[in-house]
Amino acid sequence: MPHTAIRVEGLGKRYRLGEGALPYQTLREQIVRAAVQPVRRLGAVLRGGSTFTSRETFWALRDVSFEVSEGEVLGVVGRNGAGKTTLLKLLSRITEPTAGRAEIAGRVGSLLEVGTGFHPELTGRENVFLNGAILGMKRAETRAKFDRIVEFAEITRFIDTPVKFYSSGMYVRLAFSVAAHLEPHVLLIDEVLAVGDAAFQRKCLGQMENVAREGRTVLFVSHQLSAVRQLCSRAILIDGGRITGDGSVEDVIEQYLAATFEAAATPLAERTDRAGDDDFRFTAAGVFNRAGDPVSVIGSGEPVSFELSYSSGRERLANVAMAIHVEDLLGRRLFALATPFTGEDFSTLPPEGRIRCTLPSLPLVAGEYKTMLWCSVNGRLADRIYDALRFSVVDADVFGSGRSPNARHHGNFIVPHGWRVADGDAVLPPARAREVGAQ
């Protein structure tokens, strides 16, 4: 029988609203903060207040219990804000639990969010050796794996550059490579892999499969249900800070899709499972046909528009970028519609309004689809919400042939194309080619 690698019993984490981790600060910023803190407290007392404010509390995770066997690959799924990342932070000892306990056998490698695990002032090389030391590895062991780590991360030219100058993609590539190659007994991976490009994501999935085959334990958090299905032998579903499903990957995915379908029916303005600044929100989204009417069903190849309504507490929005990611129900991203691609001038926007994105021809075969909405303002994430809008696509005679492609045999996309037959130097249309062949 395999040994237990992770045992979680009654785990819970409570936060005060408005209380969060401080971002990275320089030494000067830390000294200034320490110096002004007594002054702020004294001011609060003189104003008749208290040095401590009473804040509302909430449980990000509550009464969570499960076990993971050695060599098992466990998928963790759930909506934004469900408690998935909090669980991994507790298991990584980044934060302490309010209740319960978690026991992990062996050393833990984790890749949670951009910024976790590396010191920004150190170079990539120095951070590799620092992480190795944290994992309890001898310098000689880390040195033996160093070349493989750098080669996998594809950052050879920048390995001696401080990581504070890395792009998010470079950061994630190196962080994943370190976590995967330094041979931890337990590997914790969050949705941060979505930062990398498609080629690197495939590389990461392949490496995680190798890790699993070597008998190491993996906890994998992802909205990409296809990746969970590919990698994991079991899954748990977290909703509202509690485990609501635990079993086979297929059963848990089915339960998750049912839950997200209910969430998608909630008005967008009321959705709380989102990320970004508090003063910007997508408030509504819809699909519109050729005539400009709102629809939930559209034909393959037909003109279609996506309309997004938004509201902001700012008087004026500057340097706005928006995107719509169209996905299948398993979370596989099919294509993205983004303002940076098309070059539209979104330098300023009013505090409330509607944005419409139009496709001359919807390139999807019949099926069910969903969208993820994303917006940044001045380079900072303003709003991101998964499963914001669902719509159905039905067959249409796109080519005028009376036949339509389908997802099972032909893929998700309809690509305009035509065929011709070459006859010597001439290229004949099919009807004329048949006439030539009959002579």
Protein backbone atom coordinates (compact mmCIF):
# COMPACT_ATOMS: atom_id res chain seq x y z
CA MET A 1 0.00 0.00 0.00
CA PRO A 2 1.33 3.50 -0.83
CA HIS A 3 2.16 5.77 2.08
CA THR A 4 0.23 8.97 2.76
CA ALA A 5 2.09 12.00 1.39
CA ILE A 6 -0.38 14.69 2.52
CA ARG A 7 -2.86 14.50 5.40
CA VAL A 8 -5.19 17.48 5.98
CA GLU A 9 -7.51 17.53 8.98
CA GLY A 10 -10.09 20.26 9.69
CA LEU A 11 -7.96 22.90 7.98
CA GLY A 12 -9.30 26.46 8.07
CA LYS A 13 -8.08 29.99 7.38
CA ARG A 14 -9.85 33.14 8.54
CA TYR A 15 -9.02 36.64 7.31
CA ARG A 16 -10.02 40.13 8.32
CA LEU A 17 -11.42 42.05 5.37
CA GLY A 18 -9.00 44.72 4.23
CA GLU A 19 -6.09 42.84 5.72
CA GLY A 20 -3.59 41.43 3.26
CA ALA A 21 0.05 40.65 2.73
CA LEU A 22 2.32 43.62 2.15
CA PRO A 23 3.97 43.83 -1.24
CA TYR A 24 7.75 43.65 -1.56
CA GLN A 25 9.33 46.73 0.02
CA THR A 26 12.82 48.14 0.00
CA LEU A 27 14.69 48.57 3.28
CA ARG A 28 14.05 52.34 3.18
CA GLU A 29 10.29 51.77 2.78
CA GLN A 30 10.26 49.35 5.71
CA ILE A 31 12.13 51.85 7.94
CA VAL A 32 9.74 54.69 7.01
CA ARG A 33 6.72 52.46 7.66
CA ALA A 34 8.07 51.46 11.08
CA ALA A 35 8.80 55.11 11.94
CA VAL A 36 5.33 56.46 11.11
CA GLN A 37 3.36 53.63 12.67
CA PRO A 38 3.57 55.01 16.28
CA VAL A 39 2.50 58.43 15.02
CA ARG A 40 -0.55 56.95 13.30
CA ARG A 41 -1.50 55.04 16.45
CA LEU A 42 -1.15 58.17 18.60
CA GLY A 43 -3.30 60.13 16.15
CA ALA A 44 -6.01 57.49 16.37
CA VAL A 45 -6.01 57.69 20.19
CA LEU A 46 -6.16 61.51 20.20
CA ARG A 47 -9.12 61.40 17.81
CA GLY A 48 -10.93 59.27 20.33
CA GLY A 49 -10.54 56.07 18.37
CA SER A 50 -8.77 52.86 19.08
CA THR A 51 -5.40 51.74 17.87
CA PHE A 52 -7.12 48.65 16.53
CA THR A 53 -10.04 48.66 14.13
CA SER A 54 -12.75 46.08 14.15
CA ARG A 55 -12.98 44.47 10.75
CA GLU A 56 -15.41 41.94 9.41
CA THR A 57 -13.89 38.48 9.11
CA PHE A 58 -14.49 35.71 6.64
CA TRP A 59 -13.33 32.12 6.27
CA ALA A 60 -11.40 31.61 3.02
CA LEU A 61 -11.13 27.91 3.92
CA ARG A 62 -13.06 25.97 6.54
CA ASP A 63 -13.10 22.40 7.87
CA VAL A 64 -11.14 20.94 4.94
CA SER A 65 -10.00 17.33 5.30
CA PHE A 66 -8.47 14.94 2.75
CA GLU A 67 -5.51 12.66 2.16
CA VAL A 68 -3.21 12.24 -0.83
CA SER A 69 -1.22 9.07 -1.33
CA GLU A 70 2.43 9.00 -2.33
CA GLY A 71 2.73 9.25 -6.12
CA GLU A 72 -0.86 10.46 -6.59
CA VAL A 73 -1.67 13.44 -8.84
CA LEU A 74 -4.59 15.36 -7.33
CA GLY A 75 -6.45 18.02 -9.28
CA VAL A 76 -8.01 20.90 -7.35
CA VAL A 77 -10.81 22.73 -9.16
CA GLY A 78 -13.23 25.46 -8.21
CA ARG A 79 -14.31 28.94 -9.11
CA ASN A 80 -12.29 32.10 -8.41
CA GLY A 81 -12.33 32.87 -4.70
CA ALA A 82 -13.31 29.33 -3.76
CA GLY A 83 -10.20 28.82 -1.60
CA LYS A 84 -7.90 26.82 -3.89
CA THR A 85 -4.90 29.13 -3.66
CA THR A 86 -5.42 29.58 0.08
CA LEU A 87 -5.19 25.81 0.45
CA LEU A 88 -1.87 25.68 -1.41
CA LYS A 89 -0.48 28.60 0.62
CA LEU A 90 -1.31 26.73 3.82
CA LEU A 91 0.32 23.55 2.52
CA SER A 92 3.38 25.55 1.45
CA ARG A 93 3.66 27.15 4.91
CA ILE A 94 3.41 30.60 3.33
CA THR A 95 0.60 31.38 5.76
CA GLU A 96 -0.46 29.76 9.02
CA PRO A 97 -3.85 28.05 9.44
CA THR A 98 -6.48 29.45 11.80
CA ALA A 99 -7.75 25.97 12.53
CA GLY A 100 -6.81 22.37 11.82
CA ARG A 101 -3.54 20.90 10.66
CA ALA A 102 -1.73 19.67 7.55
CA GLU A 103 1.05 17.09 7.50
CA ILE A 104 3.32 16.62 4.47
CA ALA A 105 5.91 13.86 4.18
CA GLY A 106 9.12 15.12 2.57
CA ARG A 107 10.23 18.38 1.04
CA VAL A 108 7.75 20.59 -0.82
CA GLY A 109 8.27 22.50 -4.06
CA SER A 110 5.62 25.07 -4.87
CA LEU A 111 4.75 27.42 -7.70
CA LEU A 112 1.82 29.52 -6.58
CA GLU A 113 1.87 33.05 -7.94
CA VAL A 114 4.30 35.31 -9.72
CA GLY A 115 6.47 36.79 -7.00
CA THR A 116 6.38 33.83 -4.62
CA GLY A 117 9.60 32.04 -3.78
CA PHE A 118 12.19 34.32 -5.42
CA HIS A 119 13.98 37.32 -3.98
CA PRO A 120 13.65 40.16 -6.51
CA GLU A 121 17.09 41.63 -5.81
CA LEU A 122 18.90 38.34 -6.49
CA THR A 123 19.80 37.06 -9.94
CA GLY A 124 18.18 34.03 -11.51
CA ARG A 125 21.30 31.99 -10.73
CA GLU A 126 21.29 33.05 -7.07
CA ASN A 127 17.59 32.29 -6.71
CA VAL A 128 18.06 28.79 -8.12
CA PHE A 129 20.66 28.00 -5.45
CA LEU A 130 18.59 29.75 -2.76
CA ASN A 131 15.56 27.61 -3.60
CA GLY A 132 17.71 24.50 -3.57
CA ALA A 133 18.92 25.39 -0.07
CA ILE A 134 15.36 26.03 1.10
CA LEU A 135 14.41 22.55 -0.14
CA GLY A 136 17.27 21.11 1.89
CA MET A 137 19.47 20.23 -1.06
CA LYS A 138 23.24 20.44 -0.97
CA ARG A 139 24.89 22.97 -3.26
CA ALA A 140 26.48 20.14 -5.28
CA GLU A 141 23.02 18.64 -5.94
CA THR A 142 21.64 21.95 -7.19
CA ARG A 143 24.76 22.56 -9.30
CA ALA A 144 24.32 19.14 -10.96
CA LYS A 145 20.80 20.12 -12.09
CA PHE A 146 21.53 23.78 -12.83
CA ASP A 147 22.13 23.48 -16.59
CA ARG A 148 18.91 21.49 -17.07
CA ILE A 149 16.94 24.07 -15.08
CA VAL A 150 18.22 27.00 -17.15
CA GLU A 151 17.80 25.16 -20.46
CA PHE A 152 14.20 24.22 -19.64
CA ALA A 153 13.38 27.81 -18.60
CA GLU A 154 14.89 29.21 -21.84
CA ILE A 155 16.54 32.17 -20.08
CA THR A 156 20.26 31.41 -20.50
CA ARG A 157 21.08 35.00 -21.53
CA PHE A 158 19.39 36.47 -18.45
CA ILE A 159 20.35 33.99 -15.74
CA ASP A 160 22.73 36.52 -14.11
CA THR A 161 20.17 39.36 -14.22
CA PRO A 162 18.20 40.25 -11.05
CA VAL A 163 14.76 38.66 -11.36
CA LYS A 164 13.03 41.98 -10.61
CA PHE A 165 13.80 42.85 -14.23
CA TYR A 166 12.22 39.65 -15.60
CA SER A 167 8.95 39.66 -17.48
CA SER A 168 6.16 37.60 -15.91
CA GLY A 169 6.75 34.91 -18.54
CA MET A 170 10.49 34.65 -17.79
CA TYR A 171 9.77 34.58 -14.06
CA VAL A 172 7.25 31.76 -14.36
CA ARG A 173 9.46 29.72 -16.68
CA LEU A 174 12.36 29.81 -14.22
CA ALA A 175 10.12 29.29 -11.17
CA PHE A 176 8.47 26.23 -12.69
CA SER A 177 11.78 24.81 -13.86
CA VAL A 178 13.25 25.14 -10.36
CA ALA A 179 10.17 23.60 -8.73
CA ALA A 180 10.08 20.67 -11.15
CA HIS A 181 13.80 19.86 -11.39
CA LEU A 182 14.95 20.13 -7.78
CA GLU A 183 13.12 16.89 -7.03
CA PRO A 184 10.74 17.81 -4.20
CA HIS A 185 8.70 14.93 -2.81
CA VAL A 186 5.51 16.99 -3.18
CA LEU A 187 4.95 19.53 -5.97
CA LEU A 188 2.23 22.22 -5.61
CA ILE A 189 1.26 23.98 -8.84
CA ASP A 190 -1.26 26.81 -9.12
CA GLU A 191 -2.94 28.44 -12.13
CA VAL A 192 0.20 30.59 -12.55
CA LEU A 193 1.14 28.36 -15.52
CA ALA A 194 -1.45 30.26 -17.54
CA VAL A 195 1.04 33.15 -17.71
CA GLY A 196 3.32 31.21 -20.03
CA ASP A 197 2.76 30.84 -23.76
CA ALA A 198 1.09 27.77 -25.27
CA ALA A 199 4.37 26.05 -26.17
CA PHE A 200 5.73 26.42 -22.64
CA GLN A 201 2.44 25.23 -21.13
CA ARG A 202 2.73 22.03 -23.16
CA LYS A 203 6.31 21.68 -21.95
CA CYS A 204 5.19 22.11 -18.33
CA LEU A 205 2.42 19.52 -18.69
CA GLY A 206 4.96 17.08 -20.11
CA GLN A 207 7.34 17.74 -17.22
CA MET A 208 4.55 17.25 -14.67
CA GLU A 209 3.71 13.92 -16.30
CA ASN A 210 7.37 12.95 -15.87
CA VAL A 211 7.25 14.00 -12.21
CA ALA A 212 4.14 11.87 -11.68
CA ARG A 213 5.72 8.85 -13.39
CA GLU A 214 8.68 9.15 -11.03
CA GLY A 215 6.30 8.53 -8.14
CA ARG A 216 6.27 12.06 -6.72
CA THR A 217 3.06 13.63 -5.42
CA VAL A 218 1.47 16.55 -7.30
CA LEU A 219 -1.35 18.95 -6.35
CA PHE A 220 -2.47 20.78 -9.47
CA VAL A 221 -4.85 23.75 -9.37
CA SER A 222 -6.22 24.82 -12.76
CA HIS A 223 -9.24 26.23 -14.57
CA GLN A 224 -8.12 24.23 -17.61
CA LEU A 225 -10.18 21.12 -17.01
CA SER A 226 -8.62 19.39 -20.00
CA ALA A 227 -5.21 19.62 -18.28
CA VAL A 228 -6.70 18.28 -15.04
CA ARG A 229 -8.23 15.41 -16.99
CA GLN A 230 -4.90 14.72 -18.73
CA LEU A 231 -2.70 14.80 -15.62
CA CYS A 232 -4.74 13.79 -12.61
CA SER A 233 -5.96 10.47 -11.27
CA ARG A 234 -8.33 12.08 -8.77
CA ALA A 235 -9.81 15.53 -8.13
CA ILE A 236 -11.45 17.58 -5.40
CA LEU A 237 -13.89 20.44 -5.87
CA ILE A 238 -13.71 23.44 -3.53
CA ASP A 239 -16.63 25.86 -3.27
CA GLY A 240 -17.05 28.56 -0.66
CA GLY A 241 -13.95 27.39 1.21
CA ARG A 242 -15.21 23.83 1.66
CA ILE A 243 -14.68 20.58 -0.22
CA THR A 244 -17.93 19.78 -2.02
CA GLY A 245 -16.63 16.98 -4.24
CA ASP A 246 -13.93 14.32 -4.03
CA GLY A 247 -13.58 11.43 -6.42
CA SER A 248 -12.78 10.50 -9.99
CA VAL A 249 -11.72 13.31 -12.31
CA GLU A 250 -14.74 12.82 -14.59
CA ASP A 251 -17.25 12.93 -11.73
CA VAL A 252 -15.71 16.02 -10.15
CA ILE A 253 -15.49 17.83 -13.50
CA GLU A 254 -19.16 17.09 -14.16
CA GLN A 255 -20.04 18.47 -10.72
CA TYR A 256 -17.89 21.56 -11.33
CA LEU A 257 -19.48 22.27 -14.72
CA ALA A 258 -22.94 22.07 -13.16
CA ALA A 259 -21.87 24.56 -10.48
CA THR A 260 -20.32 26.97 -12.99
CA PHE A 261 -23.47 26.78 -15.12
CA GLU A 262 -25.44 28.05 -12.13
CA ALA A 263 -22.84 30.79 -11.55
CA ALA A 264 -23.03 31.89 -15.19
CA ALA A 265 -26.77 32.42 -14.70
CA THR A 266 -26.02 34.99 -11.96
CA PRO A 267 -26.07 38.61 -13.25
CA LEU A 268 -22.51 39.67 -14.01
CA ALA A 269 -22.69 42.72 -11.72
CA GLU A 270 -23.46 40.41 -8.77
CA ARG A 271 -20.65 37.92 -9.39
CA THR A 272 -18.03 37.88 -6.63
CA ASP A 273 -15.72 35.18 -8.08
CA ARG A 274 -13.51 37.64 -9.90
CA ALA A 275 -10.09 39.27 -9.58
CA GLY A 276 -8.91 42.85 -10.05
CA ASP A 277 -9.31 46.37 -8.65
CA ASP A 278 -12.47 47.10 -6.71
CA ASP A 279 -13.33 50.25 -8.66
CA PHE A 280 -13.84 48.59 -12.08
CA ARG A 281 -16.34 45.89 -12.98
CA PHE A 282 -17.85 44.28 -16.04
CA THR A 283 -21.57 44.63 -15.30
CA ALA A 284 -23.14 42.78 -18.24
CA ALA A 285 -22.19 40.77 -21.32
CA GLY A 286 -24.18 39.55 -24.27
CA VAL A 287 -24.08 37.96 -27.72
CA PHE A 288 -25.77 39.79 -30.62
CA ASN A 289 -26.67 38.56 -34.10
CA ARG A 290 -26.47 40.26 -37.50
CA ALA A 291 -29.59 42.31 -36.81
CA GLY A 292 -28.23 43.53 -33.46
CA ASP A 293 -30.61 41.42 -31.38
CA PRO A 294 -29.40 39.69 -28.20
CA VAL A 295 -29.25 35.89 -28.66
CA SER A 296 -28.02 32.84 -26.77
CA VAL A 297 -27.84 30.68 -29.91
CA ILE A 298 -25.95 31.61 -33.09
CA GLY A 299 -25.23 29.76 -36.32
CA SER A 300 -21.76 28.68 -37.44
CA GLY A 301 -20.21 31.22 -39.79
CA GLU A 302 -22.74 33.94 -39.01
CA PRO A 303 -21.75 37.51 -38.08
CA VAL A 304 -21.73 37.95 -34.32
CA SER A 305 -20.97 40.66 -31.77
CA PHE A 306 -19.99 40.46 -28.12
CA GLU A 307 -21.08 43.47 -26.06
CA LEU A 308 -19.56 44.27 -22.67
CA SER A 309 -21.01 46.81 -20.24
CA TYR A 310 -18.76 48.19 -17.53
CA SER A 311 -18.83 50.58 -14.60
CA SER A 312 -15.97 52.30 -12.76
CA GLY A 313 -15.55 54.51 -9.73
CA ARG A 314 -12.95 56.54 -11.60
CA GLU A 315 -13.81 59.80 -13.34
CA ARG A 316 -11.82 58.74 -16.38
CA LEU A 317 -10.23 55.45 -17.39
CA ALA A 318 -6.79 55.71 -18.99
CA ASN A 319 -4.81 53.18 -21.05
CA VAL A 320 -7.53 50.54 -21.11
CA ALA A 321 -7.05 47.09 -22.65
CA MET A 322 -9.85 44.54 -22.91
CA ALA A 323 -10.04 40.93 -24.04
CA ILE A 324 -12.61 38.18 -24.51
CA HIS A 325 -11.25 34.63 -24.36
CA VAL A 326 -13.58 32.08 -25.95
CA GLU A 327 -13.28 28.59 -24.45
CA ASP A 328 -14.98 25.23 -24.64
CA LEU A 329 -16.71 23.92 -21.53
CA LEU A 330 -13.51 22.18 -20.37
CA GLY A 331 -11.70 25.53 -20.25
CA ARG A 332 -9.57 24.97 -23.36
CA ARG A 333 -8.93 28.40 -24.82
CA LEU A 334 -9.97 28.48 -28.47
CA PHE A 335 -9.21 32.07 -29.42
CA ALA A 336 -8.86 35.55 -27.97
CA LEU A 337 -10.38 38.84 -29.06
CA ALA A 338 -8.23 41.64 -27.63
CA THR A 339 -7.94 45.38 -28.16
CA PRO A 340 -4.09 45.33 -28.22
CA PHE A 341 -4.25 43.01 -31.27
CA THR A 342 -6.46 45.28 -33.35
CA GLY A 343 -4.94 48.61 -32.38
CA GLU A 344 -8.19 50.39 -31.46
CA ASP A 345 -7.57 53.53 -29.44
CA PHE A 346 -8.73 52.81 -25.90
CA SER A 347 -6.44 55.43 -24.35
CA THR A 348 -9.37 56.96 -22.44
CA LEU A 349 -12.91 55.82 -21.64
CA PRO A 350 -15.81 57.35 -19.70
CA PRO A 351 -16.53 55.86 -16.23
CA GLU A 352 -19.51 53.88 -17.57
CA GLY A 353 -20.27 52.52 -21.01
CA ARG A 354 -20.52 49.62 -23.43
CA ILE A 355 -17.89 48.10 -25.67
CA ARG A 356 -18.81 45.96 -28.68
CA CYS A 357 -16.49 43.53 -30.48
CA THR A 358 -17.70 42.25 -33.88
CA LEU A 359 -16.69 39.13 -35.81
CA PRO A 360 -17.68 39.07 -39.50
CA SER A 361 -17.98 35.26 -39.30
CA LEU A 362 -18.15 33.06 -36.19
CA PRO A 363 -15.53 30.33 -36.84
CA LEU A 364 -16.94 27.71 -34.44
CA VAL A 365 -18.69 24.41 -35.13
CA ALA A 366 -21.89 23.45 -33.31
CA GLY A 367 -21.42 23.14 -29.56
CA GLU A 368 -21.50 24.91 -26.19
CA TYR A 369 -18.99 27.65 -25.42
CA LYS A 370 -18.10 30.09 -22.64
CA THR A 371 -16.03 33.25 -22.29
CA MET A 372 -13.52 34.73 -19.89
CA LEU A 373 -13.51 38.54 -19.69
CA TRP A 374 -10.36 40.50 -18.89
CA CYS A 375 -9.51 44.18 -18.58
CA SER A 376 -6.47 46.16 -17.46
CA VAL A 377 -6.22 49.88 -16.70
CA ASN A 378 -2.81 51.55 -16.76
CA GLY A 379 -1.18 48.11 -16.94
CA ARG A 380 -2.89 46.78 -13.77
CA LEU A 381 -5.52 44.06 -13.69
CA ALA A 382 -8.90 45.79 -13.40
CA ASP A 383 -11.29 42.85 -13.74
CA ARG A 384 -11.09 39.19 -14.72
CA ILE A 385 -14.00 36.83 -14.55
CA TYR A 386 -14.22 33.25 -15.78
CA ASP A 387 -17.37 31.75 -17.26
CA ALA A 388 -18.81 35.22 -17.69
CA LEU A 389 -21.03 34.35 -20.65
CA ARG A 390 -22.25 31.15 -22.25
CA PHE A 391 -23.66 30.68 -25.73
CA SER A 392 -24.56 27.87 -28.11
CA VAL A 393 -23.55 27.45 -31.73
CA VAL A 394 -25.74 25.47 -34.13
CA ASP A 395 -24.99 24.01 -37.55
CA ALA A 396 -25.29 26.27 -40.56
CA ASP A 397 -24.61 25.65 -44.24
CA VAL A 398 -21.43 27.75 -44.20
CA PHE A 399 -20.05 26.50 -47.54
CA GLY A 400 -23.39 26.13 -49.32
CA SER A 401 -22.73 22.42 -49.77
CA GLY A 402 -25.43 21.10 -47.46
CA ARG A 403 -22.79 19.62 -45.11
CA SER A 404 -21.24 20.99 -41.94
CA PRO A 405 -18.11 20.03 -39.97
CA ASN A 406 -18.49 18.77 -36.40
CA ALA A 407 -16.25 18.96 -33.33
CA ARG A 408 -15.78 15.22 -32.90
CA HIS A 409 -14.30 14.55 -36.33
CA HIS A 410 -13.15 17.93 -37.64
CA GLY A 411 -12.15 20.12 -34.66
CA ASN A 412 -13.73 23.28 -33.26
CA PHE A 413 -13.05 25.70 -36.08
CA ILE A 414 -14.56 26.46 -39.46
CA VAL A 415 -11.87 27.83 -41.78
CA PRO A 416 -12.88 29.40 -45.13
CA HIS A 417 -11.22 27.47 -47.94
CA GLY A 418 -11.61 26.22 -51.50
CA TRP A 419 -10.23 23.40 -53.69
CA ARG A 420 -8.84 23.36 -57.21
CA VAL A 421 -7.37 20.64 -59.41
CA ALA A 422 -4.05 21.29 -61.17
CA ASP A 423 -3.95 20.37 -64.92
CA GLY A 424 -0.51 21.18 -66.25
CA ASP A 425 0.07 24.86 -65.63
CA ALA A 426 -3.65 25.52 -65.14
CA VAL A 427 -5.57 25.14 -61.89
CA LEU A 428 -9.16 24.21 -62.68
CA PRO A 429 -12.23 24.40 -60.45
CA PRO A 430 -13.53 20.91 -59.52
CA ALA A 431 -16.48 20.92 -62.01
CA ARG A 432 -14.23 21.80 -64.98
CA ALA A 433 -11.62 19.26 -63.78
CA ARG A 434 -14.26 16.50 -63.94
CA GLU A 435 -15.04 17.47 -67.52
CA VAL A 436 -11.33 17.27 -68.48
CA GLY A 437 -10.97 13.90 -66.78
CA ALA A 438 -13.92 12.47 -68.70
CA GLN A 439 -12.42 13.32 -72.11
